[in-house]
Amino acid sequence: MLDLIFIALFLLFLYYAIKDAYVAGFYSANEQINILLGDSDVALEWQRMYVTSFWHLIRDVVLMGISLVWIIFRSMRNELLLGRSF
């Protein structure tokens, strides 16, 4: 049961990592456009949104890595236990 929870968490973190990567790229591109147009106040707001989305992306990748380590650990452990039974 715990393995299914970690697989579901991995998929959930994967979804949010993709979403946050898209949002961070969107804000980064708009920040650069606003700098080129000379609107520094709007560019600062876009930069804050980019930084927030980037940190969310890092959070998602770290949590996804932790759940992936758990999935691989359990898979190797089950293979080892299965190999000992024969």
C-alpha atoms as a PDB file:
ATOM      1  CA  MET A   1       0.000   0.000   0.000  1.00  0.00           C
ATOM      2  CA  LEU A   2       2.838   2.380   0.855  1.00  0.00           C
ATOM      3  CA  ASP A   3       4.417   1.688  -2.535  1.00  0.00           C
ATOM      4  CA  LEU A   4       1.252   2.771  -4.339  1.00  0.00           C
ATOM      5  CA  ILE A   5       1.213   5.988  -2.333  1.00  0.00           C
ATOM      6  CA  PHE A   6       4.794   6.760  -3.357  1.00  0.00           C
ATOM      7  CA  ILE A   7       4.033   6.014  -7.015  1.00  0.00           C
ATOM      8  CA  ALA A   8       1.026   8.345  -6.849  1.00  0.00           C
ATOM      9  CA  LEU A   9       3.159  11.024  -5.174  1.00  0.00           C
ATOM     10  CA  PHE A  10       5.821  10.630  -7.872  1.00  0.00           C
ATOM     11  CA  LEU A  11       3.238  11.165 -10.598  1.00  0.00           C
ATOM     12  CA  LEU A  12       1.758  14.141  -8.752  1.00  0.00           C
ATOM     13  CA  PHE A  13       5.188  15.761  -8.327  1.00  0.00           C
ATOM     14  CA  LEU A  14       5.952  15.051 -11.993  1.00  0.00           C
ATOM     15  CA  TYR A  15       2.770  16.860 -13.031  1.00  0.00           C
ATOM     16  CA  TYR A  16       3.578  19.883 -10.862  1.00  0.00           C
ATOM     17  CA  ALA A  17       7.218  19.930 -12.027  1.00  0.00           C
ATOM     18  CA  ILE A  18       6.070  20.142 -15.658  1.00  0.00           C
ATOM     19  CA  LYS A  19       3.531  22.831 -14.778  1.00  0.00           C
ATOM     20  CA  ASP A  20       6.036  24.908 -12.768  1.00  0.00           C
ATOM     21  CA  ALA A  21       8.670  24.595 -15.513  1.00  0.00           C
ATOM     22  CA  TYR A  22       6.177  25.953 -18.034  1.00  0.00           C
ATOM     23  CA  VAL A  23       5.132  28.811 -15.749  1.00  0.00           C
ATOM     24  CA  ALA A  24       8.744  29.719 -14.908  1.00  0.00           C
ATOM     25  CA  GLY A  25       9.605  29.821 -18.610  1.00  0.00           C
ATOM     26  CA  PHE A  26       6.549  31.944 -19.322  1.00  0.00           C
ATOM     27  CA  TYR A  27       7.472  34.503 -16.665  1.00  0.00           C
ATOM     28  CA  SER A  28      11.135  34.494 -17.702  1.00  0.00           C
ATOM     29  CA  ALA A  29      10.269  35.266 -21.323  1.00  0.00           C
ATOM     30  CA  ASN A  30       7.844  38.044 -20.372  1.00  0.00           C
ATOM     31  CA  GLU A  31      10.397  39.551 -17.990  1.00  0.00           C
ATOM     32  CA  GLN A  32      12.898  39.795 -20.829  1.00  0.00           C
ATOM     33  CA  ILE A  33      10.295  41.315 -23.172  1.00  0.00           C
ATOM     34  CA  ASN A  34       9.364  43.959 -20.588  1.00  0.00           C
ATOM     35  CA  ILE A  35      13.026  44.844 -20.042  1.00  0.00           C
ATOM     36  CA  LEU A  36      13.434  45.332 -23.787  1.00  0.00           C
ATOM     37  CA  LEU A  37      10.330  47.547 -23.851  1.00  0.00           C
ATOM     38  CA  GLY A  38      11.686  49.613 -20.950  1.00  0.00           C
ATOM     39  CA  ASP A  39       8.924  48.841 -18.433  1.00  0.00           C
ATOM     40  CA  SER A  40      11.027  48.099 -15.355  1.00  0.00           C
ATOM     41  CA  ASP A  41       8.183  47.955 -12.795  1.00  0.00           C
ATOM     42  CA  VAL A  42       6.354  45.261 -14.703  1.00  0.00           C
ATOM     43  CA  ALA A  43       9.657  43.448 -15.317  1.00  0.00           C
ATOM     44  CA  LEU A  44      10.327  43.348 -11.558  1.00  0.00           C
ATOM     45  CA  GLU A  45       6.886  41.850 -10.946  1.00  0.00           C
ATOM     46  CA  TRP A  46       7.506  39.222 -13.644  1.00  0.00           C
ATOM     47  CA  GLN A  47      10.909  38.502 -12.102  1.00  0.00           C
ATOM     48  CA  ARG A  48       9.325  37.865  -8.696  1.00  0.00           C
ATOM     49  CA  MET A  49       6.835  35.488 -10.285  1.00  0.00           C
ATOM     50  CA  TYR A  50       9.669  33.730 -12.152  1.00  0.00           C
ATOM     51  CA  VAL A  51      11.709  33.267  -8.961  1.00  0.00           C
ATOM     52  CA  THR A  52       8.668  31.888  -7.126  1.00  0.00           C
ATOM     53  CA  SER A  53       7.891  29.441  -9.924  1.00  0.00           C
ATOM     54  CA  PHE A  54      11.544  28.396 -10.160  1.00  0.00           C
ATOM     55  CA  TRP A  55      11.697  27.575  -6.445  1.00  0.00           C
ATOM     56  CA  HIS A  56       8.467  25.599  -6.788  1.00  0.00           C
ATOM     57  CA  LEU A  57      10.107  23.670  -9.627  1.00  0.00           C
ATOM     58  CA  ILE A  58      13.136  22.875  -7.457  1.00  0.00           C
ATOM     59  CA  ARG A  59      10.833  21.719  -4.646  1.00  0.00           C
ATOM     60  CA  ASP A  60       8.959  19.430  -7.030  1.00  0.00           C
ATOM     61  CA  VAL A  61      12.147  17.916  -8.452  1.00  0.00           C
ATOM     62  CA  VAL A  62      13.554  17.204  -4.974  1.00  0.00           C
ATOM     63  CA  LEU A  63      10.326  15.547  -3.812  1.00  0.00           C
ATOM     64  CA  MET A  64      10.122  13.612  -7.068  1.00  0.00           C
ATOM     65  CA  GLY A  65      13.705  12.406  -6.522  1.00  0.00           C
ATOM     66  CA  ILE A  66      12.930  11.279  -2.976  1.00  0.00           C
ATOM     67  CA  SER A  67       9.901   9.297  -4.091  1.00  0.00           C
ATOM     68  CA  LEU A  68      11.888   7.805  -7.001  1.00  0.00           C
ATOM     69  CA  VAL A  69      14.621   6.671  -4.600  1.00  0.00           C
ATOM     70  CA  TRP A  70      11.942   4.982  -2.467  1.00  0.00           C
ATOM     71  CA  ILE A  71      10.433   3.244  -5.516  1.00  0.00           C
ATOM     72  CA  ILE A  72      13.841   1.974  -6.680  1.00  0.00           C
ATOM     73  CA  PHE A  73      14.782   0.872  -3.144  1.00  0.00           C
ATOM     74  CA  ARG A  74      11.583  -1.114  -2.738  1.00  0.00           C
ATOM     75  CA  SER A  75      11.942  -2.633  -6.201  1.00  0.00           C
ATOM     76  CA  MET A  76      15.511  -3.795  -5.507  1.00  0.00           C
ATOM     77  CA  ARG A  77      14.535  -5.082  -2.068  1.00  0.00           C
ATOM     78  CA  ASN A  78      11.643  -7.087  -3.514  1.00  0.00           C
ATOM     79  CA  GLU A  79      13.916  -8.511  -6.231  1.00  0.00           C
ATOM     80  CA  LEU A  80      16.420  -9.550  -3.562  1.00  0.00           C
ATOM     81  CA  LEU A  81      13.739 -11.201  -1.423  1.00  0.00           C
ATOM     82  CA  LEU A  82      12.283 -12.930  -4.470  1.00  0.00           C
ATOM     83  CA  GLY A  83      15.721 -14.207  -5.469  1.00  0.00           C
ATOM     84  CA  ARG A  84      16.317 -15.663  -2.001  1.00  0.00           C
ATOM     85  CA  SER A  85      13.049 -17.596  -2.062  1.00  0.00           C
ATOM     86  CA  PHE A  86      14.146 -19.752  -5.043  1.00  0.00           C
END
